Protein backbone atom coordinates (compact mmCIF):
# COMPACT_ATOMS: atom_id res chain seq x y z
CA MET A 1 210.26 37.40 -80.03
CA GLY A 2 212.48 40.42 -80.50
CA VAL A 3 211.91 40.52 -84.12
CA ARG A 4 208.14 39.99 -83.58
CA ARG A 5 207.99 43.00 -81.06
CA ALA A 6 209.99 45.16 -83.23
CA VAL A 7 207.64 44.52 -86.23
CA ASP A 8 204.58 44.87 -84.02
CA LEU A 9 205.73 48.24 -82.76
CA VAL A 10 206.31 49.61 -86.26
CA LEU A 11 203.06 48.40 -87.61
CA LYS A 12 201.11 49.80 -84.77
CA ALA A 13 202.70 53.08 -85.49
CA ALA A 14 202.16 52.80 -89.20
CA ASN A 15 198.63 51.81 -88.77
CA THR A 16 197.88 55.02 -86.84
CA PRO A 17 200.06 57.64 -88.55
CA LYS A 18 200.26 61.18 -87.25
CA GLU A 19 203.77 62.19 -88.44
CA PRO A 20 206.58 60.96 -90.54
CA LEU A 21 207.66 57.40 -89.56
CA TYR A 22 211.17 56.07 -89.93
CA THR A 23 213.29 53.04 -88.80
CA TYR A 24 216.92 53.75 -88.06
CA GLY A 25 218.45 51.49 -90.67
CA PRO A 26 216.54 48.44 -91.90
CA LEU A 27 214.32 47.24 -88.94
CA ILE A 28 215.38 43.62 -89.42
CA HIS A 29 217.18 41.69 -92.01
CA ASN A 30 214.27 40.50 -94.21
CA PRO A 31 213.51 42.18 -97.69
CA GLN A 32 209.76 41.17 -97.48
CA ILE A 33 209.32 43.16 -94.23
CA ILE A 34 211.24 46.19 -95.53
CA ASP A 35 209.26 46.17 -98.74
CA LEU A 36 206.02 46.00 -96.68
CA LEU A 37 207.21 48.89 -94.54
CA GLU A 38 207.76 51.03 -97.45
CA GLN A 39 204.28 50.33 -98.85
CA LYS A 40 202.91 51.49 -95.47
CA GLY A 41 205.02 54.74 -95.69
CA VAL A 42 207.77 53.74 -93.23
CA SER A 43 211.13 55.10 -94.42
CA VAL A 44 214.63 54.08 -93.60
CA LEU A 45 216.52 56.97 -91.88
CA THR A 46 219.94 57.27 -93.46
CA ASP A 47 220.62 61.08 -92.97
CA PRO A 48 218.77 62.35 -89.90
CA SER A 49 220.01 65.83 -90.35
CA SER A 50 218.17 66.32 -93.81
CA ALA A 51 214.95 64.34 -92.74
CA GLU A 52 211.73 66.00 -91.43
CA PRO A 53 211.41 65.27 -87.51
CA GLY A 54 209.07 62.62 -86.84
CA THR A 55 208.92 59.14 -84.95
CA VAL A 56 211.95 56.86 -85.54
CA LEU A 57 212.07 53.27 -84.47
CA ILE A 58 215.30 51.78 -83.32
CA ARG A 59 215.95 48.53 -85.04
CA ALA A 60 215.94 45.20 -83.38
CA HIS A 61 219.63 44.96 -83.53
CA GLY A 62 219.92 48.13 -81.41
CA VAL A 63 222.24 51.02 -81.82
CA PRO A 64 225.11 52.63 -79.92
CA PRO A 65 223.76 54.90 -77.11
CA HIS A 66 225.05 58.08 -78.54
CA VAL A 67 222.79 57.63 -81.73
CA LYS A 68 219.63 57.65 -79.51
CA ASP A 69 220.69 60.76 -77.71
CA SER A 70 221.58 62.65 -81.00
CA LEU A 71 218.23 61.54 -82.53
CA GLY A 72 216.37 63.09 -79.51
CA LYS A 73 218.35 66.30 -79.85
CA MET A 74 217.32 66.56 -83.43
CA GLY A 75 213.67 66.64 -82.45
CA PHE A 76 212.89 63.05 -83.22
CA THR A 77 210.46 60.95 -81.09
CA VAL A 78 212.59 57.76 -80.41
CA VAL A 79 210.82 54.37 -79.99
CA ASP A 80 213.34 51.87 -78.91
CA ALA A 81 212.39 48.49 -80.80
CA THR A 82 215.69 46.79 -79.57
CA CYS A 83 215.32 43.14 -78.80
CA PRO A 84 214.99 42.66 -75.07
CA ARG A 85 217.71 39.99 -75.41
CA VAL A 86 220.25 42.51 -77.03
CA ILE A 87 219.31 44.95 -74.34
CA LYS A 88 220.32 42.57 -71.82
CA VAL A 89 223.72 42.21 -73.35
CA GLN A 90 224.03 45.96 -73.73
CA THR A 91 223.22 46.20 -70.02
CA ILE A 92 225.97 43.56 -69.13
CA ILE A 93 228.58 45.43 -71.10
CA GLN A 94 227.63 48.79 -69.78
CA LYS A 95 227.80 47.63 -66.10
CA TYR A 96 231.36 46.08 -66.51
CA ALA A 97 232.59 48.90 -68.75
CA GLN A 98 231.68 51.44 -65.93
CA GLN A 99 233.97 49.21 -63.73
CA GLY A 100 236.72 49.53 -66.24
CA TYR A 101 236.49 46.09 -67.83
CA HIS A 102 237.32 45.54 -71.44
CA THR A 103 234.67 43.82 -73.56
CA ILE A 104 235.29 40.95 -76.26
CA ILE A 105 232.26 40.24 -78.26
CA VAL A 106 232.11 36.92 -80.09
CA GLY A 107 230.54 37.99 -83.28
CA ASP A 108 230.71 39.75 -86.71
CA LYS A 109 232.27 43.19 -86.06
CA ASN A 110 230.23 44.62 -89.28
CA HIS A 111 227.01 43.21 -87.94
CA PRO A 112 224.48 45.97 -86.71
CA GLU A 113 223.94 44.39 -83.40
CA VAL A 114 227.69 44.05 -82.68
CA ILE A 115 228.21 47.69 -83.75
CA GLY A 116 225.47 48.66 -81.44
CA LEU A 117 226.99 46.78 -78.53
CA LEU A 118 230.50 47.98 -79.08
CA GLY A 119 229.03 51.53 -78.41
CA TYR A 120 228.36 50.39 -74.89
CA THR A 121 231.97 49.47 -74.14
CA GLU A 122 233.35 52.93 -73.59
CA SER A 123 235.70 52.45 -76.46
CA ARG A 124 237.24 49.40 -74.75
CA GLY A 125 235.64 46.63 -76.90
CA ILE A 126 236.73 44.41 -79.67
CA ALA A 127 234.93 41.78 -81.87
CA VAL A 128 236.16 38.36 -82.89
CA ASN A 129 234.45 35.68 -84.85
CA ARG A 130 236.73 32.72 -85.27
CA LEU A 131 239.01 30.63 -83.10
CA GLU A 132 241.95 31.81 -85.19
CA ASP A 133 241.38 35.41 -84.12
CA ILE A 134 241.87 34.57 -80.42
CA PRO A 135 245.73 34.53 -80.38
CA THR A 136 245.51 38.24 -81.71
CA VAL A 137 243.53 39.37 -78.71
CA PRO A 138 245.58 41.59 -76.18
CA SER A 139 245.81 40.35 -72.77
CA PHE A 140 243.88 42.55 -70.39
CA ASN A 141 243.84 42.65 -66.67
CA LYS A 142 240.08 42.30 -66.60
CA ALA A 143 237.58 41.65 -69.40
CA ILE A 144 234.28 40.15 -70.08
CA VAL A 145 233.38 37.74 -73.01
CA VAL A 146 229.97 37.98 -74.51
CA ALA A 147 228.17 36.71 -77.51
CA GLN A 148 226.23 38.26 -80.36
CA THR A 149 222.74 36.99 -79.53
CA THR A 150 222.39 35.04 -82.85
CA GLN A 151 225.92 33.35 -82.72
CA ASP A 152 226.49 29.81 -83.35
CA SER A 153 226.15 28.11 -79.91
CA HIS A 154 228.91 25.59 -80.91
CA VAL A 155 231.49 28.32 -82.10
CA PHE A 156 230.86 30.21 -78.86
CA SER A 157 231.11 27.23 -76.62
CA GLU A 158 234.42 26.44 -78.47
CA MET A 159 235.81 30.08 -78.16
CA ALA A 160 234.64 30.49 -74.56
CA SER A 161 236.66 27.24 -73.57
CA VAL A 162 239.77 28.64 -75.16
CA PHE A 163 239.30 32.13 -73.64
CA SER A 164 238.81 30.39 -70.21
CA ALA A 165 241.93 28.32 -70.44
CA ARG A 166 244.22 31.30 -71.72
CA PHE A 167 242.66 33.92 -69.59
CA PRO A 168 241.06 32.41 -66.49
CA GLN A 169 240.57 36.00 -64.93
CA TYR A 170 237.98 36.79 -67.81
CA LYS A 171 234.26 36.73 -67.06
CA ILE A 172 232.27 34.71 -69.62
CA PHE A 173 228.64 35.31 -70.41
CA ASN A 174 226.65 33.14 -72.80
CA THR A 175 224.26 35.84 -74.13
CA ILE A 176 223.07 33.77 -77.26
CA CYS A 177 219.37 34.16 -77.40
CA ASP A 178 217.48 31.19 -76.13
CA SER A 179 215.18 30.87 -79.18
CA THR A 180 218.62 30.99 -81.42
CA ILE A 181 220.08 28.10 -79.47
CA LYS A 182 216.79 26.11 -79.61
CA ARG A 183 216.54 26.64 -83.38
CA GLN A 184 220.07 25.66 -83.85
CA LEU A 185 219.62 22.47 -81.69
CA GLU A 186 216.34 21.70 -83.61
CA ILE A 187 218.02 21.81 -87.04
CA ARG A 188 220.70 19.52 -85.93
CA GLU A 189 218.13 17.07 -84.76
CA MET A 190 216.25 17.53 -87.69
CA ALA A 191 219.18 16.67 -89.98
CA LYS A 192 218.99 13.18 -88.52
CA GLU A 193 215.41 12.50 -89.84
CA VAL A 194 215.10 14.22 -93.16
CA ASP A 195 216.33 13.97 -96.77
CA ALA A 196 216.78 17.64 -97.08
CA ILE A 197 216.50 20.88 -95.17
CA ILE A 198 215.02 24.22 -96.62
CA VAL A 199 216.18 27.40 -94.44
CA VAL A 200 213.77 30.46 -95.24
CA GLY A 201 215.05 33.89 -94.66
CA GLY A 202 216.87 36.85 -96.11
CA ARG A 203 220.12 36.41 -97.88
CA ASN A 204 221.86 39.10 -95.51
CA SER A 205 220.45 37.68 -92.26
CA GLY A 206 223.20 36.44 -90.14
CA ASN A 207 221.21 33.90 -88.00
CA THR A 208 219.61 32.57 -91.22
CA LYS A 209 222.81 31.99 -92.67
CA ARG A 210 224.19 30.22 -89.73
CA LEU A 211 221.17 27.89 -89.62
CA ALA A 212 221.94 27.00 -93.45
CA GLN A 213 225.63 26.37 -92.48
CA ILE A 214 224.69 24.20 -89.62
CA GLY A 215 222.38 22.05 -91.87
CA LYS A 216 225.13 21.67 -94.51
CA ASN A 217 227.63 20.78 -91.75
CA SER A 218 225.31 18.10 -90.71
CA GLY A 219 225.78 16.39 -94.06
CA VAL A 220 222.12 17.02 -95.44
CA PRO A 221 221.54 18.86 -98.71
CA THR A 222 220.51 22.27 -97.34
CA PHE A 223 218.95 25.07 -99.30
CA HIS A 224 218.69 28.69 -98.29
CA ILE A 225 215.91 30.50 -99.96
CA GLU A 226 214.14 33.78 -99.41
CA THR A 227 210.69 32.83 -100.66
CA ASP A 228 208.73 30.06 -102.44
CA ALA A 229 209.54 31.54 -105.80
CA ASP A 230 213.26 30.44 -105.15
CA LEU A 231 212.12 26.71 -104.64
CA ASP A 232 213.80 24.50 -107.14
CA PRO A 233 211.66 21.28 -107.26
CA SER A 234 214.40 19.39 -109.36
CA LEU A 235 216.82 19.63 -106.28
CA ILE A 236 214.40 17.81 -103.94
CA GLU A 237 212.92 15.44 -106.60
CA GLY A 238 212.64 12.01 -105.12
CA MET A 239 212.99 13.07 -101.65
CA HIS A 240 210.25 12.13 -99.13
CA ARG A 241 211.08 13.92 -95.88
CA ILE A 242 211.81 17.78 -96.23
CA GLY A 243 212.79 19.75 -92.98
CA ILE A 244 211.76 23.49 -92.93
CA THR A 245 213.21 26.05 -90.62
CA ALA A 246 213.46 29.96 -90.80
CA GLY A 247 215.58 32.71 -89.54
CA ALA A 248 214.44 34.88 -86.63
CA SER A 249 213.32 37.77 -88.98
CA THR A 250 211.42 35.61 -91.44
CA PRO A 251 207.73 36.54 -91.40
CA THR A 252 205.29 33.66 -90.98
CA TRP A 253 203.55 34.14 -94.16
CA VAL A 254 206.66 33.67 -96.23
CA THR A 255 207.50 30.37 -94.41
CA SER A 256 203.71 29.52 -94.59
CA LYS A 257 204.01 30.11 -98.53
CA VAL A 258 206.97 27.72 -98.79
CA PHE A 259 205.14 25.04 -96.70
CA LYS A 260 202.12 25.14 -98.84
CA ALA A 261 204.12 25.12 -102.03
CA LEU A 262 205.80 21.83 -100.66
CA GLU A 263 202.34 20.49 -99.79
CA ASN A 264 201.23 20.83 -103.39
CA LEU A 265 204.44 19.94 -105.16
CA PRO A 266 204.07 15.99 -105.03
CA HIS A 267 200.55 16.30 -106.52
CA GLU A 268 201.34 19.02 -109.29
CA GLY A 269 200.73 17.32 -112.79
CA LYS A 270 200.43 13.83 -111.10
CA ILE A 271 197.78 11.30 -111.78
CA GLY A 272 196.60 8.94 -108.99
CA TRP A 273 193.98 8.52 -106.11
CA ARG A 274 196.16 10.47 -103.62
CA SER A 275 196.79 13.30 -105.97
CA ALA A 276 192.97 13.41 -106.93
CA ILE A 277 191.93 13.55 -103.19
CA HIS A 278 194.44 16.26 -102.69
CA LYS A 279 193.13 18.42 -105.56
CA ILE A 280 189.50 17.83 -104.59
CA GLN A 281 190.15 18.75 -100.89
CA ARG A 282 192.09 21.69 -101.97
CA THR A 283 189.39 23.03 -104.42
CA LEU A 284 186.70 22.50 -101.72
CA LEU A 285 188.63 24.57 -99.27
CA LEU A 286 189.63 27.33 -101.61
CA SER A 287 186.13 27.79 -103.00
CA ASN A 288 184.65 27.87 -99.46
CA LEU A 289 182.48 24.74 -100.62
CA TYR A 290 183.76 22.93 -97.69
CA VAL A 291 182.91 25.56 -94.91
CA SER A 292 179.48 25.79 -96.57
CA LEU A 293 179.06 22.00 -96.23
CA GLY A 294 180.02 22.41 -92.59
CA ALA A 295 177.53 24.97 -92.08
CA GLY A 296 174.75 22.61 -93.39
CA CYS A 297 176.01 19.78 -91.46
CA LEU A 298 175.88 21.95 -88.33
CA SER A 299 172.33 22.98 -88.93
CA PHE A 300 171.19 19.51 -89.46
CA ALA A 301 172.90 18.62 -86.06
CA CYS A 302 171.34 21.39 -84.25
CA ALA A 303 167.85 20.46 -85.32
CA VAL A 304 168.47 17.00 -83.84
CA LEU A 305 169.81 18.76 -80.71
CA LEU A 306 166.46 20.75 -80.43
CA GLY A 307 164.56 17.70 -80.82
CA ILE A 308 163.01 18.80 -84.27
CA LYS A 309 163.15 17.20 -87.73
CA PRO A 310 165.85 18.33 -89.82
CA THR A 311 164.67 19.64 -93.30
CA PRO A 312 166.55 20.06 -96.51
CA SER A 313 165.38 23.68 -96.78
CA THR A 314 166.76 24.83 -93.38
CA VAL A 315 170.09 22.79 -94.08
CA LEU A 316 170.68 24.32 -97.52
CA MET A 317 169.67 27.84 -96.45
CA ALA A 318 172.44 27.72 -93.67
CA ALA A 319 174.87 26.33 -96.38
CA PHE A 320 174.12 28.78 -99.02
CA TYR A 321 174.15 31.72 -96.70
CA VAL A 322 177.61 30.93 -95.23
CA LEU A 323 179.02 30.27 -98.71
CA SER A 324 177.77 33.57 -100.01
CA MET A 325 179.04 35.66 -97.02
CA HIS A 326 182.45 33.94 -96.74
CA ILE A 327 183.12 34.39 -100.36
CA MET A 328 181.86 38.05 -100.25
CA ASN A 329 184.01 39.04 -97.18
CA ARG A 330 187.11 37.55 -98.82
CA PHE A 331 186.78 40.00 -101.72
CA THR A 332 186.19 42.98 -99.28
CA ASN A 333 189.08 42.03 -97.23
CA LYS A 334 191.67 41.13 -99.75
CA GLU A 335 194.58 42.71 -98.30
CA ALA A 336 194.91 40.57 -95.14
CA LYS A 337 194.57 37.43 -97.29
CA ARG A 338 197.82 38.40 -99.29
CA TYR A 339 199.68 37.50 -96.08
CA ASN A 340 197.62 35.14 -94.14
CA ASP A 341 196.66 32.91 -97.02
CA PRO A 342 198.55 33.71 -100.33
CA ASP A 343 197.39 30.53 -101.92
CA ARG A 344 193.89 31.33 -101.36
CA ALA A 345 194.54 34.96 -102.52
CA ARG A 346 195.76 33.64 -105.73
CA PHE A 347 192.89 31.32 -106.22
CA ASP A 348 190.36 34.18 -105.54
CA GLU A 349 192.31 36.20 -108.16
CA LYS A 350 192.16 33.55 -110.68
CA PHE A 351 188.57 32.74 -110.33
CA LYS A 352 187.21 36.03 -109.18
CA GLY A 353 184.36 36.05 -111.73
CA LEU A 354 183.12 32.64 -110.93
CA LEU A 355 183.49 33.20 -107.23
CA LEU A 356 181.44 36.41 -107.09
CA ALA A 357 178.83 34.70 -109.24
CA MET A 358 178.72 32.00 -106.59
CA SER A 359 178.31 34.41 -103.99
CA ILE A 360 175.42 36.22 -105.45
CA CYS A 361 173.54 33.11 -106.59
CA SER A 362 174.09 31.30 -103.31
CA GLY A 363 172.90 34.34 -101.39
CA ALA A 364 169.78 34.60 -103.58
CA ILE A 365 169.11 30.86 -103.16
CA GLY A 366 169.54 31.11 -99.39
CA LEU A 367 167.10 34.09 -99.30
CA SER A 368 164.61 32.37 -101.48
CA MET A 369 164.47 29.33 -99.13
CA ALA A 370 164.16 31.59 -96.11
CA TYR A 371 161.19 33.30 -97.93
CA PHE A 372 159.27 29.93 -98.27
CA LEU A 373 160.14 28.99 -94.59
CA GLY A 374 158.32 32.35 -93.41
CA THR A 375 158.54 36.14 -93.11
CA LYS A 376 160.53 35.89 -89.82
CA PRO A 377 163.32 33.62 -91.39
CA PHE A 378 163.47 35.60 -94.50
CA VAL A 379 163.51 39.13 -92.72
CA SER A 380 166.11 37.83 -90.40
CA LEU A 381 168.35 36.44 -93.04
CA LEU A 382 167.87 39.59 -95.30
CA ILE A 383 169.10 41.79 -92.34
CA MET A 384 172.04 39.53 -91.67
CA SER A 385 173.07 39.39 -95.37
CA ILE A 386 173.14 43.19 -95.50
CA MET A 387 175.21 43.41 -92.34
CA GLY A 388 177.46 40.76 -93.69
CA MET A 389 178.13 43.02 -96.77
CA LEU A 390 178.56 46.02 -94.67
CA TYR A 391 181.19 44.44 -92.58
CA ASN A 392 184.25 45.85 -94.38
CA VAL A 393 182.28 49.05 -95.76
CA LYS A 394 182.56 52.56 -94.36
CA VAL A 395 179.19 53.14 -92.71
CA LEU A 396 179.71 56.47 -91.16
CA PRO A 397 180.03 59.73 -93.25
CA GLY A 398 183.19 61.85 -93.67
CA ASN A 399 185.53 61.49 -90.76
CA ILE A 400 182.89 60.68 -88.13
CA LYS A 401 184.10 57.79 -85.81
CA ILE A 402 182.46 56.08 -83.02
CA PHE A 403 184.48 56.49 -79.86
CA GLY A 404 186.90 58.45 -81.95
CA ARG A 405 188.18 55.12 -83.50
CA PHE A 406 185.59 53.07 -85.47
CA GLN A 407 184.13 53.90 -89.00
CA LYS A 408 183.56 50.14 -90.01
CA ILE A 409 182.03 47.18 -88.30
CA LYS A 410 185.31 45.41 -88.84
CA ASP A 411 187.16 48.37 -86.83
CA ILE A 412 185.68 46.98 -83.62
CA PRO A 413 188.16 44.76 -81.93
CA GLY A 414 187.35 41.10 -82.11
CA SER A 415 184.18 41.82 -84.10
CA LYS A 416 184.85 39.30 -86.83
CA THR A 417 184.99 36.30 -84.59
CA PHE A 418 181.89 37.21 -82.55
CA LEU A 419 179.80 38.27 -85.58
CA ILE A 420 180.66 35.02 -87.32
CA ALA A 421 179.73 32.92 -84.39
CA ALA A 422 176.49 34.89 -83.87
CA ALA A 423 175.56 34.55 -87.59
CA TRP A 424 175.99 30.89 -87.83
CA GLY A 425 174.25 30.49 -84.58
CA VAL A 426 171.27 32.40 -86.08
CA VAL A 427 171.18 30.51 -89.38
CA ALA A 428 171.83 27.20 -87.86
CA VAL A 429 169.64 27.22 -84.95
CA ILE A 430 167.30 30.39 -84.50
CA LEU A 431 165.91 30.38 -88.17
CA PRO A 432 165.13 26.64 -88.42
CA ALA A 433 163.56 26.55 -84.92
CA LEU A 434 161.35 29.44 -86.01
CA THR A 435 159.70 27.21 -88.64
CA VAL A 436 158.55 24.83 -85.74
CA PHE A 437 158.15 27.06 -82.61
CA PRO A 438 156.02 30.06 -82.47
CA THR A 439 158.56 32.04 -80.32
CA ILE A 440 162.17 31.93 -79.07
CA ASN A 441 162.23 29.78 -75.90
CA ALA A 442 164.78 28.79 -73.35
CA SER A 443 165.78 25.57 -75.20
CA ILE A 444 166.46 27.55 -78.53
CA ILE A 445 168.56 30.30 -76.70
CA PHE A 446 170.54 27.41 -75.04
CA VAL A 447 171.37 25.55 -78.14
CA PHE A 448 172.04 28.88 -79.92
CA ILE A 449 174.54 29.95 -77.39
CA TRP A 450 176.15 26.55 -77.27
CA THR A 451 176.47 26.40 -81.24
CA ALA A 452 177.74 29.95 -81.43
CA VAL A 453 180.51 29.20 -78.86
CA LEU A 454 181.44 26.22 -81.03
CA VAL A 455 181.67 28.27 -84.11
CA PHE A 456 183.51 30.92 -82.14
CA ILE A 457 186.23 28.56 -81.23
CA ARG A 458 186.62 27.30 -84.72
CA SER A 459 187.00 30.92 -86.00
CA ALA A 460 189.26 32.06 -83.19
CA ILE A 461 191.77 29.23 -84.16
CA PHE A 462 192.09 30.66 -87.79
CA ASP A 463 192.38 34.17 -86.10
CA ILE A 464 195.47 32.78 -84.09
CA ILE A 465 197.00 31.50 -87.34
CA ASP A 466 196.23 34.82 -89.19
CA THR A 467 197.45 37.12 -86.44
CA GLN A 468 200.60 38.44 -88.46
CA GLY A 469 198.59 39.27 -91.55
CA ASP A 470 195.66 40.78 -89.55
CA ARG A 471 198.18 42.92 -87.46
CA ILE A 472 199.76 44.08 -90.83
CA VAL A 473 196.53 45.53 -92.16
CA GLY A 474 195.46 46.86 -88.86
CA GLN A 475 192.71 44.48 -88.04
CA GLU A 476 192.35 44.00 -84.30
CA THR A 477 191.14 40.27 -84.00
CA LEU A 478 190.82 38.60 -80.53
CA PRO A 479 194.45 37.33 -80.43
CA ILE A 480 195.74 40.69 -81.18
CA VAL A 481 193.82 42.32 -78.47
CA LEU A 482 194.30 39.47 -75.87
CA GLY A 483 197.46 37.79 -77.17
CA GLU A 484 197.97 34.26 -78.41
CA LYS A 485 198.61 32.60 -74.90
CA ARG A 486 195.40 34.32 -73.39
CA THR A 487 193.26 33.52 -76.37
CA LEU A 488 194.37 29.82 -76.28
CA CYS A 489 193.50 29.78 -72.65
CA LEU A 490 190.12 31.24 -73.32
CA LEU A 491 189.36 28.72 -75.95
CA LYS A 492 190.36 25.84 -73.60
CA ILE A 493 187.85 27.28 -70.98
CA LEU A 494 185.16 27.45 -73.57
CA LEU A 495 185.76 24.08 -74.75
CA ALA A 496 185.44 22.90 -71.06
CA LEU A 497 182.20 24.84 -70.63
CA LEU A 498 180.71 23.34 -73.76
CA ILE A 499 181.14 19.87 -72.28
CA VAL A 500 179.98 20.52 -68.87
CA THR A 501 176.72 22.40 -69.90
CA VAL A 502 175.51 19.37 -71.97
CA PRO A 503 174.40 17.22 -68.97
CA ALA A 504 172.93 20.57 -67.40
CA GLY A 505 170.95 21.31 -70.61
CA TYR A 506 169.70 17.67 -70.81
CA ALA A 507 168.60 17.57 -67.15
CA LEU A 508 166.53 20.91 -67.64
CA GLY A 509 164.93 19.49 -70.83
CA MET A 510 166.59 22.06 -73.05
CA VAL A 511 168.57 19.53 -75.53
CA SER A 512 167.67 15.88 -76.45
CA SER A 513 170.07 13.13 -75.39
CA PHE A 514 171.82 13.62 -78.69
CA GLY A 515 173.77 16.48 -76.74
CA PHE A 516 175.90 13.73 -75.33
CA ALA A 517 176.83 12.62 -78.60
CA MET A 518 177.62 16.27 -79.83
CA VAL A 519 180.30 16.38 -77.17
CA LEU A 520 182.46 14.33 -79.62
CA CYS A 521 182.58 17.41 -81.75
CA VAL A 522 183.72 19.48 -78.87
CA LEU A 523 186.44 16.87 -78.05
CA TYR A 524 187.56 16.79 -81.68
CA LEU A 525 187.98 20.66 -81.77
CA ALA A 526 190.05 20.16 -78.38
CA GLY A 527 192.13 17.86 -80.17
CA VAL A 528 192.62 20.23 -83.03
CA LEU A 529 193.63 22.99 -80.64
CA MET A 530 196.18 20.50 -79.00
CA VAL A 531 197.60 19.68 -82.55
CA TYR A 532 198.25 23.46 -83.18
CA GLU A 533 199.46 24.26 -79.68
CA ARG A 534 202.04 21.35 -79.58
CA SER A 535 203.05 22.00 -83.15
CA TRP A 536 202.25 18.55 -84.25
CA MET A 537 201.10 19.89 -87.72
CA PHE A 538 202.17 23.30 -89.54
CA PRO A 539 199.03 25.35 -90.13
CA GLY A 540 198.86 24.67 -93.64
CA PHE A 541 196.24 23.07 -96.15
CA ARG A 542 195.82 19.90 -94.14
CA PHE A 543 195.48 21.61 -90.86
CA GLU A 544 192.86 23.89 -92.37
CA PHE A 545 190.93 20.89 -93.70
CA LEU A 546 191.21 19.25 -90.16
CA VAL A 547 189.56 22.46 -88.59
CA GLU A 548 186.79 22.66 -91.06
CA SER A 549 185.96 19.03 -90.75
CA SER A 550 184.72 19.58 -87.14
CA PHE A 551 181.22 20.53 -88.35
CA VAL A 552 181.09 17.94 -91.13
CA LEU A 553 181.65 15.61 -88.13
CA SER A 554 178.62 16.94 -86.51
CA GLY A 555 176.46 16.17 -89.36
CA LEU A 556 177.82 12.61 -89.58
CA ILE A 557 177.26 12.29 -85.86
CA ALA A 558 173.74 13.47 -86.23
CA SER A 559 173.04 11.01 -89.15
CA GLY A 560 174.36 8.19 -87.29
CA TRP A 561 172.13 9.20 -84.19
CA ILE A 562 169.03 9.29 -86.41
CA PHE A 563 169.70 5.87 -88.01
CA MET A 564 170.46 4.22 -84.73
CA THR A 565 167.36 5.81 -82.89
CA GLY A 566 164.96 5.74 -85.61
């Protein structure tokens, strides 16, 4: 939490630059984040006296209080990105230091956090890191014992017991971060179930190194790597269950790259039906052909929901339109993909020409089909296609901005999720319905809203997964605006509404009885959301395929319904 907060603060400042932006020392112990911040113009402040005054963010590890005071006197605007868990330890030390207590910190005396904590002891603090150091600690009349927030919980427990026995008058505070304790417990439990453990994180990250050491002490082969490039397949050859964990400062996209590399590893250069299925699934996903298939299936199901006959033209129109727009938007929004889905970004770069040709051809085919369906479907799809292409394009001249903030459609918070839902709803419901009904009636509106909400939930799930990359590039998606917990709560409410509105829609004659069968799709998406929320599956290749299968399922249900009802 503390690391995420620090990164969020600096990214928010970097995406709205007004003056020089610095971090006091490396923000966190992760080279990928440091490189990213350098690319965004964030400098590491080493000599404040020779730097141009601007905004300086205090690192997540914290600093001694006199450092913040001196920066303020030099004219810097100080933003404190210290982890709240570290601030809690600082507060405890400061409180007791004012009462004349000495402070003993169980931690690495050279670690930035410990250096910062010592600054609150009023020069009455020492740091110890091993049981062997305890005999060298002087006997104080009154003292407190605290822990570096990322200290090994077992080491601190042992040292606290010795201090308590030797100096019963000392007050002992277990100030190890809850998430640190949890992660250390998890890796110990993981070691009982896996053949090997991979720990992802910076080489100089103290808590990452402790995780790796705990893994090794558990007797399981443990490998500390920084990125997927450090993976050595030969070291885990023949192993079937691999545990993955990461240091507190490891970005999600780095862990995700490692996970996806391991997902693909058993199938690289292999022959067999499992590997063949894996490669087909991966190609369908990365090329967007699977999401296109889902759009066609959803259009087919919506026709049955409206009580009209599905036609190949309307189904293919929806499929080709979605294929065209999804590919096009990937190339106009490449930066976020580098972090959210590096595997897809590499695929896009490798097959750039072919994918662009697919986008243009599928867009043309979709428009051609709309033209033969009538003037209204054609004009509507043409306008939607133009808007889709303009999503990532600056549409206002010069520095003109709507409400002082927006120059592109994508600048509007949450616009991506809402527009995708609306576009799918139009192409899957409105346009096919206009080929049968002379005007848009209440039934069409009901099915449009119901379908758009279903698509909204699917898109929002991906937005939650992609939060870190979207925040890096400054794109305000729904989870960034509302937060992940509120977004998940919203999706649950929407899923419940989709279920309860079906009987009402049927009773009012707005949908056919097929609506009750479509509830299976809603329940499926609810299950997918549960899988994510309870961490039953890491959001990698398999999870993405699971999400995209929701609309393919709608087509299968509709086909089965037609077969059974004639």
